[in-house]
Amino acid sequence: MATVCISKILTISPSISRLPIHNHLNTTHNYLRSTNLKPKPHLALIFKPHPSKPLTHNTYHRTQIKSLFTGIVEEMGQVRHLGFDSSGQSFDMIIHSPTVLLDVNLGDSIAVNGTCLTVTEFDTQRSEFKVGLSPETLRKTSLIELEKGSVVNLERAVKPSTRMGGHFVQGHVDGTGEIVSMEPEGDSLWVKVKTSPEILKFIVPKGFIAVDGTSLTVVQVFDEDECFNFMLVEYTQQKVVIPLKKIGQKVNLEVDILGKYVERLLSSGFVDSIKSR
């Protein structure tokens, strides 16, 4: 099974009632309100899902690969703020994360539970960074279930010198799955996830998949149940958020990009054109 490397163990410090975040584009400090800014009603009611569309080749031309990740979680961070700003238009998240801020710059890409997000502000003294969340991101990912105090997987985009310990992950979440069972076997943990047929068709036994941004190996695929499973070894369980979730909660899924390319080639008639030569 996949193992997950972590460069520094995170010690979650107590919540701070007032959290200043420095915007390094100017000299002023933005101070967030100390109240719990979690919107009411629940986010799922505000950002209602749009009708889902099949993952076909027509879906892929709209995204451009700007950052790559490995699916090897560097750190588990803690959500310190999640909600609208004072204008009521911008929906932001602030995360406490000592490790990923070591060489941070404005505009950097950080995968949060496998979702590629852009750093808009940061404070290295408080070990916090801020990202914006669009309504579409909240509709299509499990981030909509987060709240103040939630723990999230974090990984910085890879550099040319980075060792590839997982597989190529874009941080473009294909959809979500629902945890349907979690069963221990010795010190390992079996996790079974149900997802849509549009995503399941790209999942194969012994293939790669990113679950909440964690690079994992699929063990079995259950087409009749629209499920797949994987196993987490003891070390991995301590370094990622999946074991902290409960049955019925969502996880972000990003399938192996190779399957998408194959489907596009087949549906475009490329193979037939080669055969006709």
Protein backbone atom coordinates (compact mmCIF):
# COMPACT_ATOMS: atom_id res chain seq x y z
CA MET A 1 0.00 0.00 0.00
CA ALA A 2 1.04 3.59 -0.40
CA THR A 3 2.97 5.24 2.36
CA VAL A 4 2.87 8.95 2.98
CA CYS A 5 5.92 11.04 3.82
CA ILE A 6 5.67 14.02 6.12
CA SER A 7 8.47 16.49 6.57
CA LYS A 8 7.37 17.76 9.95
CA ILE A 9 4.84 16.53 12.48
CA LEU A 10 2.21 19.17 13.11
CA THR A 11 1.39 20.14 16.66
CA ILE A 12 -1.94 21.89 16.60
CA SER A 13 -1.85 24.89 18.88
CA PRO A 14 -4.93 26.28 20.65
CA SER A 15 -7.28 28.43 18.63
CA ILE A 16 -6.56 32.15 18.62
CA SER A 17 -9.56 34.42 18.86
CA ARG A 18 -8.25 37.14 16.56
CA LEU A 19 -6.11 36.16 13.59
CA PRO A 20 -4.21 38.83 11.62
CA ILE A 21 -3.16 37.77 8.13
CA HIS A 22 -0.60 39.93 6.33
CA ASN A 23 -1.25 40.76 2.68
CA HIS A 24 2.26 41.05 1.24
CA LEU A 25 1.04 43.08 -1.72
CA ASN A 26 0.62 46.10 0.55
CA THR A 27 1.65 47.29 3.98
CA THR A 28 -1.69 47.07 5.71
CA HIS A 29 -2.91 44.25 7.91
CA ASN A 30 -6.29 42.63 7.41
CA TYR A 31 -7.95 41.63 10.63
CA LEU A 32 -10.60 38.98 10.50
CA ARG A 33 -13.52 39.06 12.82
CA SER A 34 -13.16 36.87 15.90
CA THR A 35 -16.66 35.47 15.64
CA ASN A 36 -17.40 32.11 14.07
CA LEU A 37 -18.00 33.01 10.43
CA LYS A 38 -19.48 29.69 9.44
CA PRO A 39 -22.44 30.64 7.22
CA LYS A 40 -25.95 29.80 8.28
CA PRO A 41 -27.66 27.81 6.90
CA HIS A 42 -25.18 25.03 6.10
CA LEU A 43 -22.87 25.53 3.14
CA ALA A 44 -24.48 22.65 1.29
CA LEU A 45 -27.72 24.63 1.21
CA ILE A 46 -26.03 27.81 0.02
CA PHE A 47 -23.88 26.22 -2.68
CA LYS A 48 -26.42 23.81 -4.13
CA PRO A 49 -24.99 21.16 -6.48
CA HIS A 50 -25.49 21.54 -10.18
CA PRO A 51 -26.62 18.49 -12.18
CA SER A 52 -23.59 16.25 -12.56
CA LYS A 53 -22.13 15.62 -15.99
CA PRO A 54 -20.30 12.49 -17.14
CA LEU A 55 -16.51 12.67 -17.17
CA THR A 56 -16.02 12.58 -20.92
CA HIS A 57 -13.25 13.91 -23.11
CA ASN A 58 -15.21 17.14 -23.54
CA THR A 59 -14.65 17.86 -19.86
CA TYR A 60 -10.88 17.97 -20.03
CA HIS A 61 -10.06 20.68 -22.52
CA ARG A 62 -11.34 23.34 -20.12
CA THR A 63 -8.54 22.80 -17.58
CA GLN A 64 -4.89 23.56 -18.11
CA ILE A 65 -2.18 21.87 -16.08
CA LYS A 66 -0.60 24.68 -14.07
CA SER A 67 0.67 22.72 -11.07
CA LEU A 68 1.53 19.13 -10.32
CA PHE A 69 1.48 17.25 -7.04
CA THR A 70 2.61 13.78 -6.00
CA GLY A 71 -0.17 12.81 -3.61
CA ILE A 72 2.41 12.50 -0.83
CA VAL A 73 0.94 14.52 2.03
CA GLU A 74 3.48 16.85 3.64
CA GLU A 75 1.47 18.00 6.59
CA MET A 76 -1.94 18.03 8.24
CA GLY A 77 -3.09 21.59 8.80
CA GLN A 78 -5.98 22.98 10.84
CA VAL A 79 -8.72 25.25 9.49
CA ARG A 80 -8.70 28.45 11.55
CA HIS A 81 -11.35 30.35 9.60
CA LEU A 82 -13.93 29.44 6.97
CA GLY A 83 -16.56 31.83 5.74
CA PHE A 84 -17.49 34.98 3.88
CA ASP A 85 -15.58 38.22 4.27
CA SER A 86 -17.23 41.47 5.37
CA SER A 87 -18.45 42.13 1.81
CA GLY A 88 -20.35 38.86 1.75
CA GLN A 89 -18.94 38.09 -1.71
CA SER A 90 -15.57 36.43 -1.09
CA PHE A 91 -15.54 33.02 0.62
CA ASP A 92 -12.15 32.41 2.26
CA MET A 93 -10.33 29.78 4.29
CA ILE A 94 -7.37 30.30 6.61
CA ILE A 95 -5.23 27.28 7.50
CA HIS A 96 -2.59 26.87 10.20
CA SER A 97 0.36 25.01 8.65
CA PRO A 98 3.99 25.44 9.77
CA THR A 99 5.62 23.17 7.17
CA VAL A 100 4.11 24.25 3.85
CA LEU A 101 4.81 27.93 4.62
CA LEU A 102 8.58 27.48 4.82
CA ASP A 103 9.09 28.86 1.30
CA VAL A 104 5.63 30.20 0.46
CA ASN A 105 4.97 33.00 -2.03
CA LEU A 106 1.78 34.77 -3.03
CA GLY A 107 0.12 32.89 -5.87
CA ASP A 108 1.64 29.53 -4.92
CA SER A 109 -0.47 26.42 -5.40
CA ILE A 110 -1.19 24.23 -2.38
CA ALA A 111 -3.35 21.10 -2.52
CA VAL A 112 -5.88 21.13 0.32
CA ASN A 113 -7.44 17.66 0.60
CA GLY A 114 -6.39 17.21 -3.00
CA THR A 115 -7.91 20.46 -4.26
CA CYS A 116 -5.44 22.83 -5.90
CA LEU A 117 -5.91 26.27 -4.29
CA THR A 118 -3.99 29.54 -4.61
CA VAL A 119 -2.35 31.33 -1.69
CA THR A 120 -3.76 34.87 -1.53
CA GLU A 121 -2.31 35.97 1.81
CA PHE A 122 0.03 34.47 4.41
CA ASP A 123 1.60 35.16 7.78
CA THR A 124 4.78 33.18 8.46
CA GLN A 125 4.92 34.29 12.10
CA ARG A 126 1.52 32.78 12.78
CA SER A 127 2.12 29.91 10.32
CA GLU A 128 -1.13 30.64 8.49
CA PHE A 129 -2.13 31.11 4.88
CA LYS A 130 -5.34 32.15 3.20
CA VAL A 131 -7.05 30.83 0.07
CA GLY A 132 -10.25 31.75 -1.71
CA LEU A 133 -12.94 29.19 -2.47
CA SER A 134 -15.25 29.62 -5.43
CA PRO A 135 -18.87 28.41 -5.31
CA GLU A 136 -18.03 25.77 -7.94
CA THR A 137 -15.16 24.42 -5.82
CA LEU A 138 -17.47 24.08 -2.83
CA ARG A 139 -20.13 22.37 -4.94
CA LYS A 140 -17.77 19.84 -6.49
CA THR A 141 -15.48 18.93 -3.59
CA SER A 142 -15.65 17.68 -0.02
CA LEU A 143 -14.36 21.05 1.21
CA ILE A 144 -18.00 22.00 1.68
CA GLU A 145 -18.05 19.74 4.75
CA LEU A 146 -15.16 21.55 6.46
CA GLU A 147 -15.64 23.82 9.45
CA LYS A 148 -13.46 25.77 11.84
CA GLY A 149 -11.11 23.28 13.54
CA SER A 150 -11.20 20.69 10.74
CA VAL A 151 -7.92 18.98 9.84
CA VAL A 152 -6.86 18.89 6.18
CA ASN A 153 -4.16 17.25 4.06
CA LEU A 154 -1.64 19.70 2.60
CA GLU A 155 0.92 19.39 -0.19
CA ARG A 156 2.88 22.05 -2.04
CA ALA A 157 3.17 21.87 -5.82
CA VAL A 158 6.23 19.91 -6.92
CA LYS A 159 9.46 21.49 -8.12
CA PRO A 160 11.68 19.98 -10.86
CA SER A 161 13.99 18.65 -8.13
CA THR A 162 11.18 16.96 -6.17
CA ARG A 163 11.36 13.20 -5.70
CA MET A 164 8.26 11.52 -7.12
CA GLY A 165 7.02 9.26 -4.35
CA GLY A 166 3.40 8.97 -5.45
CA HIS A 167 1.92 9.64 -8.89
CA PHE A 168 1.13 12.70 -10.99
CA VAL A 169 -1.78 14.57 -9.40
CA GLN A 170 -3.15 17.82 -10.82
CA GLY A 171 -5.25 18.93 -7.89
CA HIS A 172 -8.30 19.02 -10.19
CA VAL A 173 -10.90 17.05 -8.26
CA ASP A 174 -13.00 14.86 -10.57
CA GLY A 175 -15.74 14.41 -7.99
CA THR A 176 -16.43 13.08 -4.55
CA GLY A 177 -17.03 9.69 -3.01
CA GLU A 178 -18.75 8.61 0.17
CA ILE A 179 -17.08 6.43 2.78
CA VAL A 180 -19.31 3.37 3.22
CA SER A 181 -17.12 1.22 5.47
CA MET A 182 -13.92 1.33 7.52
CA GLU A 183 -12.70 -2.01 8.81
CA PRO A 184 -9.44 -2.68 10.68
CA GLU A 185 -7.29 -5.69 9.88
CA GLY A 186 -4.40 -5.93 12.29
CA ASP A 187 -2.88 -2.45 12.40
CA SER A 188 -4.08 -1.66 8.87
CA LEU A 189 -7.39 -0.13 7.86
CA TRP A 190 -9.63 -1.11 4.93
CA VAL A 191 -11.62 1.79 3.52
CA LYS A 192 -14.46 1.35 1.01
CA VAL A 193 -15.74 4.31 -0.98
CA LYS A 194 -18.82 4.67 -3.15
CA THR A 195 -18.77 7.02 -6.11
CA SER A 196 -20.58 7.72 -9.37
CA PRO A 197 -20.30 5.42 -12.41
CA GLU A 198 -18.74 8.33 -14.34
CA ILE A 199 -15.78 8.29 -11.97
CA LEU A 200 -15.71 4.57 -11.20
CA LYS A 201 -15.06 3.68 -14.85
CA PHE A 202 -11.59 5.25 -14.54
CA ILE A 203 -10.71 3.30 -11.38
CA VAL A 204 -8.92 -0.03 -11.83
CA PRO A 205 -7.51 -2.60 -9.37
CA LYS A 206 -3.86 -1.88 -8.52
CA GLY A 207 -4.19 1.51 -10.20
CA PHE A 208 -3.49 4.93 -8.71
CA ILE A 209 -6.09 7.22 -7.20
CA ALA A 210 -5.86 10.39 -5.12
CA VAL A 211 -8.26 10.35 -2.15
CA ASP A 212 -8.35 13.71 -0.37
CA GLY A 213 -5.05 14.37 -2.10
CA THR A 214 -3.41 11.18 -0.83
CA SER A 215 -1.83 8.94 -3.47
CA LEU A 216 -3.19 5.44 -2.89
CA THR A 217 -3.36 2.09 -4.63
CA VAL A 218 -6.80 0.68 -5.43
CA VAL A 219 -7.21 -2.89 -4.20
CA GLN A 220 -10.61 -3.90 -5.60
CA VAL A 221 -13.39 -2.36 -7.68
CA PHE A 222 -17.00 -3.40 -7.04
CA ASP A 223 -18.94 -2.35 -10.15
CA GLU A 224 -22.27 -3.68 -8.86
CA ASP A 225 -22.00 -1.58 -5.69
CA GLU A 226 -20.34 1.38 -7.46
CA CYS A 227 -17.52 1.11 -4.92
CA PHE A 228 -13.77 0.61 -4.65
CA ASN A 229 -11.53 0.00 -1.68
CA PHE A 230 -7.98 0.59 -0.50
CA MET A 231 -5.91 -0.17 2.57
CA LEU A 232 -4.06 2.26 4.81
CA VAL A 233 -1.04 0.97 6.71
CA GLU A 234 -0.51 2.15 10.27
CA TYR A 235 2.02 4.86 9.34
CA THR A 236 -0.27 6.35 6.70
CA GLN A 237 -3.21 6.41 9.11
CA GLN A 238 -1.22 8.74 11.37
CA LYS A 239 -0.33 11.19 8.61
CA VAL A 240 -3.55 11.77 6.62
CA VAL A 241 -7.11 12.84 7.41
CA ILE A 242 -8.99 9.86 5.97
CA PRO A 243 -9.03 7.77 9.21
CA LEU A 244 -10.40 10.82 11.05
CA LYS A 245 -13.50 10.85 8.90
CA LYS A 246 -16.69 8.94 9.60
CA ILE A 247 -18.83 6.63 7.50
CA GLY A 248 -21.07 8.77 5.32
CA GLN A 249 -18.60 11.62 4.93
CA LYS A 250 -17.28 12.74 1.57
CA VAL A 251 -13.76 12.41 0.17
CA ASN A 252 -12.30 14.17 -2.86
CA LEU A 253 -11.35 11.89 -5.74
CA GLU A 254 -8.94 12.48 -8.60
CA VAL A 255 -8.50 9.55 -10.95
CA ASP A 256 -5.31 8.75 -12.83
CA ILE A 257 -4.98 11.15 -15.76
CA LEU A 258 -3.81 8.33 -18.06
CA GLY A 259 -7.32 6.89 -18.11
CA LYS A 260 -8.72 10.25 -19.21
CA TYR A 261 -6.25 10.50 -22.07
CA VAL A 262 -7.07 6.97 -23.23
CA GLU A 263 -10.80 7.73 -23.27
CA ARG A 264 -10.22 10.91 -25.23
CA LEU A 265 -8.13 9.11 -27.85
CA LEU A 266 -10.73 6.37 -28.24
CA SER A 267 -13.70 8.75 -28.43
CA SER A 268 -11.96 11.09 -30.87
CA GLY A 269 -11.50 8.36 -33.46
CA PHE A 270 -7.72 8.52 -33.21
CA VAL A 271 -7.36 4.73 -32.98
CA ASP A 272 -9.61 4.17 -36.00
CA SER A 273 -7.61 6.67 -38.03
CA ILE A 274 -4.41 4.78 -37.19
CA LYS A 275 -5.98 1.47 -38.23
CA SER A 276 -7.11 2.89 -41.56
CA ARG A 277 -3.60 3.86 -42.60
